[in-house]
């Protein structure tokens, strides 16, 4: 009758390999979520910049957006001239 012997070195190697694979999958998942976030954020940032800037796609006179941005109501004076 043979007894099974527990090989500690082999078990540690397997646990280490499983840990490395799990770590790489986790890092890949974080990288994928970062890329998805960037892809979603870029158009939103462009739209927000367009709404905030005076030269944006939507004119301030239409006021289509719900939030009123200060740039639409801003008045500035340059060399004594009033610009709206």
N, C-alpha and C. Protein backbone atom coordinates (compact mmCIF):
# COMPACT_ATOMS: atom_id res chain seq x y z
N UNK A 1 0.83 -1.17 0.00
CA UNK A 1 0.00 0.00 0.00
C UNK A 1 0.88 1.24 0.00
N UNK A 2 0.59 2.12 -0.96
CA UNK A 2 1.39 3.35 -1.05
C UNK A 2 0.68 4.48 -0.35
N UNK A 3 1.46 5.27 0.34
CA UNK A 3 0.90 6.46 0.97
C UNK A 3 1.19 7.67 0.09
N UNK A 4 0.19 8.52 0.00
CA UNK A 4 0.42 9.76 -0.75
C UNK A 4 1.20 10.72 0.13
N UNK A 5 2.23 11.29 -0.47
CA UNK A 5 3.02 12.26 0.29
C UNK A 5 2.64 13.66 -0.17
N UNK A 6 2.57 14.53 0.79
CA UNK A 6 2.23 15.93 0.51
C UNK A 6 3.51 16.65 0.12
N UNK A 7 3.51 17.22 -1.09
CA UNK A 7 4.69 17.94 -1.58
C UNK A 7 4.45 19.43 -1.40
N UNK A 8 5.08 19.99 -0.39
CA UNK A 8 4.89 21.40 -0.06
C UNK A 8 5.40 22.32 -1.17
N UNK A 9 6.53 21.98 -1.76
CA UNK A 9 7.10 22.83 -2.82
C UNK A 9 6.19 22.93 -4.03
N UNK A 10 5.62 21.81 -4.43
CA UNK A 10 4.72 21.80 -5.59
C UNK A 10 3.46 22.60 -5.29
N UNK A 11 2.93 22.47 -4.09
CA UNK A 11 1.72 23.20 -3.69
C UNK A 11 1.98 24.71 -3.66
N UNK A 12 3.12 25.10 -3.13
CA UNK A 12 3.47 26.53 -3.08
C UNK A 12 3.61 27.09 -4.49
N UNK A 13 4.22 26.32 -5.39
CA UNK A 13 4.36 26.77 -6.78
C UNK A 13 2.99 26.98 -7.44
N UNK A 14 2.06 26.05 -7.19
CA UNK A 14 0.72 26.17 -7.76
C UNK A 14 0.00 27.40 -7.20
N UNK A 15 0.09 27.59 -5.89
CA UNK A 15 -0.56 28.75 -5.27
C UNK A 15 0.04 30.05 -5.81
N UNK A 16 1.35 30.08 -5.97
CA UNK A 16 2.03 31.26 -6.51
C UNK A 16 1.57 31.54 -7.94
N UNK A 17 1.50 30.48 -8.77
CA UNK A 17 1.07 30.65 -10.16
C UNK A 17 -0.38 31.13 -10.23
N UNK A 18 -1.24 30.58 -9.40
CA UNK A 18 -2.65 31.02 -9.37
C UNK A 18 -2.74 32.47 -8.92
N UNK A 19 -1.94 32.85 -7.94
CA UNK A 19 -1.92 34.24 -7.48
C UNK A 19 -1.47 35.20 -8.57
N UNK A 20 -0.43 34.82 -9.30
CA UNK A 20 0.07 35.68 -10.40
C UNK A 20 -1.00 35.83 -11.49
N UNK A 21 -1.65 34.73 -11.85
CA UNK A 21 -2.70 34.79 -12.88
C UNK A 21 -3.86 35.67 -12.41
N UNK A 22 -4.28 35.49 -11.16
CA UNK A 22 -5.38 36.31 -10.63
C UNK A 22 -4.99 37.79 -10.60
N UNK A 23 -3.76 38.07 -10.23
CA UNK A 23 -3.28 39.46 -10.19
C UNK A 23 -3.28 40.07 -11.59
N UNK A 24 -2.82 39.32 -12.59
CA UNK A 24 -2.80 39.84 -13.96
C UNK A 24 -4.21 40.06 -14.49
N UNK A 25 -5.13 39.17 -14.17
CA UNK A 25 -6.52 39.36 -14.58
C UNK A 25 -7.10 40.61 -13.92
N UNK A 26 -6.79 40.82 -12.66
CA UNK A 26 -7.26 42.01 -11.94
C UNK A 26 -6.70 43.29 -12.56
N UNK A 27 -5.41 43.30 -12.86
CA UNK A 27 -4.79 44.47 -13.49
C UNK A 27 -5.39 44.71 -14.88
N UNK A 28 -5.65 43.66 -15.63
CA UNK A 28 -6.30 43.79 -16.94
C UNK A 28 -7.70 44.36 -16.83
N UNK A 29 -8.44 43.93 -15.82
CA UNK A 29 -9.79 44.44 -15.60
C UNK A 29 -9.75 45.93 -15.26
N UNK A 30 -8.83 46.33 -14.40
CA UNK A 30 -8.68 47.76 -14.04
C UNK A 30 -8.31 48.57 -15.28
N UNK A 31 -7.40 48.05 -16.11
CA UNK A 31 -7.00 48.76 -17.33
C UNK A 31 -8.18 48.89 -18.29
N UNK A 32 -8.96 47.83 -18.43
CA UNK A 32 -10.13 47.87 -19.31
C UNK A 32 -11.16 48.89 -18.83
N UNK A 33 -11.42 48.93 -17.54
CA UNK A 33 -12.37 49.90 -17.00
C UNK A 33 -11.85 51.33 -17.17
N UNK A 34 -10.55 51.50 -17.06
CA UNK A 34 -9.96 52.83 -17.28
C UNK A 34 -10.16 53.27 -18.73
N UNK A 35 -9.91 52.37 -19.66
CA UNK A 35 -10.11 52.72 -21.08
C UNK A 35 -11.57 53.03 -21.38
N UNK A 36 -12.48 52.25 -20.82
CA UNK A 36 -13.91 52.51 -21.03
C UNK A 36 -14.28 53.87 -20.44
N UNK A 37 -13.76 54.18 -19.27
CA UNK A 37 -14.03 55.48 -18.65
C UNK A 37 -13.50 56.63 -19.49
N UNK A 38 -12.33 56.46 -20.07
CA UNK A 38 -11.76 57.51 -20.91
C UNK A 38 -12.60 57.70 -22.17
N UNK A 39 -13.01 56.59 -22.78
CA UNK A 39 -13.83 56.67 -24.00
C UNK A 39 -15.15 57.37 -23.71
N UNK A 40 -15.72 57.13 -22.55
CA UNK A 40 -16.99 57.79 -22.17
C UNK A 40 -16.75 59.24 -21.80
N UNK A 41 -15.64 59.54 -21.13
CA UNK A 41 -15.41 60.88 -20.60
C UNK A 41 -15.03 61.90 -21.67
N UNK A 42 -14.32 61.50 -22.70
CA UNK A 42 -13.84 62.47 -23.70
C UNK A 42 -15.00 63.20 -24.38
N UNK A 43 -16.02 62.52 -24.90
CA UNK A 43 -17.13 63.27 -25.50
C UNK A 43 -17.87 64.16 -24.50
N UNK A 44 -17.99 63.67 -23.26
CA UNK A 44 -18.67 64.48 -22.25
C UNK A 44 -17.87 65.75 -21.93
N UNK A 45 -16.55 65.60 -21.86
CA UNK A 45 -15.71 66.77 -21.61
C UNK A 45 -15.76 67.76 -22.77
N UNK A 46 -15.79 67.24 -24.00
CA UNK A 46 -15.90 68.13 -25.17
C UNK A 46 -17.22 68.89 -25.13
N UNK A 47 -18.31 68.19 -24.79
CA UNK A 47 -19.61 68.84 -24.73
C UNK A 47 -19.64 69.89 -23.62
N UNK A 48 -19.08 69.55 -22.46
CA UNK A 48 -19.05 70.50 -21.35
C UNK A 48 -18.20 71.71 -21.70
N UNK A 49 -17.07 71.49 -22.38
CA UNK A 49 -16.23 72.61 -22.78
C UNK A 49 -16.97 73.50 -23.77
N UNK A 50 -17.69 72.86 -24.69
CA UNK A 50 -18.47 73.64 -25.67
C UNK A 50 -19.56 74.45 -24.99
N UNK A 51 -20.15 73.91 -23.95
CA UNK A 51 -21.20 74.64 -23.24
C UNK A 51 -20.61 75.77 -22.40
N UNK A 52 -19.40 75.56 -21.89
CA UNK A 52 -18.78 76.56 -21.02
C UNK A 52 -18.12 77.69 -21.81
N UNK A 53 -17.61 77.37 -22.98
CA UNK A 53 -16.89 78.38 -23.75
C UNK A 53 -17.86 79.23 -24.56
N UNK A 54 -17.45 80.42 -24.86
CA UNK A 54 -18.32 81.33 -25.61
C UNK A 54 -18.40 80.94 -27.07
N UNK A 55 -17.42 80.26 -27.59
CA UNK A 55 -17.42 79.86 -29.00
C UNK A 55 -17.92 78.46 -29.20
N UNK A 56 -18.72 77.94 -28.29
CA UNK A 56 -19.19 76.56 -28.35
C UNK A 56 -20.24 76.37 -29.43
N UNK A 57 -20.65 75.12 -29.59
CA UNK A 57 -21.63 74.78 -30.61
C UNK A 57 -22.99 75.39 -30.32
N UNK A 58 -23.40 75.40 -29.07
CA UNK A 58 -24.69 75.98 -28.72
C UNK A 58 -24.50 77.42 -28.28
N UNK A 59 -25.31 78.26 -28.80
CA UNK A 59 -25.22 79.67 -28.45
C UNK A 59 -25.79 79.91 -27.06
N UNK A 60 -25.25 80.88 -26.38
CA UNK A 60 -25.73 81.20 -25.04
C UNK A 60 -27.13 81.82 -25.10
N UNK A 61 -27.49 82.39 -26.22
CA UNK A 61 -28.79 83.06 -26.31
C UNK A 61 -29.94 82.05 -26.31
N UNK A 62 -29.68 80.83 -26.74
CA UNK A 62 -30.75 79.84 -26.78
C UNK A 62 -31.06 79.28 -25.40
N UNK A 63 -30.07 79.15 -24.55
CA UNK A 63 -30.22 78.63 -23.19
C UNK A 63 -30.94 77.28 -23.21
N UNK A 64 -30.48 76.33 -24.03
CA UNK A 64 -31.10 75.02 -24.10
C UNK A 64 -30.74 74.14 -22.90
N UNK A 65 -29.61 74.41 -22.30
CA UNK A 65 -29.21 73.56 -21.17
C UNK A 65 -29.87 74.02 -19.89
N UNK A 66 -30.07 73.08 -18.98
CA UNK A 66 -30.79 73.37 -17.75
C UNK A 66 -29.96 74.22 -16.79
N UNK A 67 -28.65 73.98 -16.77
CA UNK A 67 -27.77 74.71 -15.85
C UNK A 67 -27.32 75.98 -16.56
N UNK A 68 -27.44 77.07 -15.90
CA UNK A 68 -27.01 78.34 -16.50
C UNK A 68 -25.55 78.58 -16.12
N UNK A 69 -24.73 78.67 -17.12
CA UNK A 69 -23.30 78.84 -16.89
C UNK A 69 -22.96 80.32 -16.80
N UNK A 70 -22.03 80.67 -15.95
CA UNK A 70 -21.65 82.08 -15.79
C UNK A 70 -21.11 82.71 -17.07
N UNK A 71 -20.50 81.90 -17.94
CA UNK A 71 -19.91 82.46 -19.16
C UNK A 71 -20.99 83.05 -20.06
N UNK A 72 -22.22 82.53 -19.98
CA UNK A 72 -23.31 83.04 -20.82
C UNK A 72 -23.79 84.40 -20.34
N UNK A 73 -23.65 84.67 -19.07
CA UNK A 73 -24.12 85.94 -18.51
C UNK A 73 -22.98 86.92 -18.26
N UNK A 74 -21.78 86.51 -18.58
CA UNK A 74 -20.62 87.35 -18.26
C UNK A 74 -20.58 88.59 -19.15
N UNK A 75 -20.19 89.66 -18.55
CA UNK A 75 -19.97 90.90 -19.28
C UNK A 75 -18.58 91.39 -18.91
N UNK A 76 -17.81 91.76 -19.91
CA UNK A 76 -16.44 92.20 -19.64
C UNK A 76 -16.19 93.52 -20.34
N UNK A 77 -15.27 94.27 -19.80
CA UNK A 77 -14.90 95.55 -20.42
C UNK A 77 -13.43 95.45 -20.82
N UNK A 78 -13.16 95.79 -22.06
CA UNK A 78 -11.81 95.86 -22.56
C UNK A 78 -11.60 97.25 -23.12
N UNK A 79 -10.72 98.00 -22.53
CA UNK A 79 -10.41 99.36 -22.97
C UNK A 79 -11.64 100.22 -23.08
N UNK A 80 -12.53 100.09 -22.13
CA UNK A 80 -13.71 100.94 -22.08
C UNK A 80 -14.89 100.44 -22.92
N UNK A 81 -14.72 99.35 -23.66
CA UNK A 81 -15.83 98.83 -24.45
C UNK A 81 -16.56 97.75 -23.66
N UNK A 82 -17.85 97.72 -23.85
CA UNK A 82 -18.65 96.71 -23.16
C UNK A 82 -18.95 95.58 -24.14
N UNK A 83 -18.55 94.37 -23.76
CA UNK A 83 -18.75 93.19 -24.61
C UNK A 83 -19.70 92.24 -23.90
N UNK A 84 -20.72 91.80 -24.60
CA UNK A 84 -21.69 90.87 -24.01
C UNK A 84 -21.56 89.52 -24.65
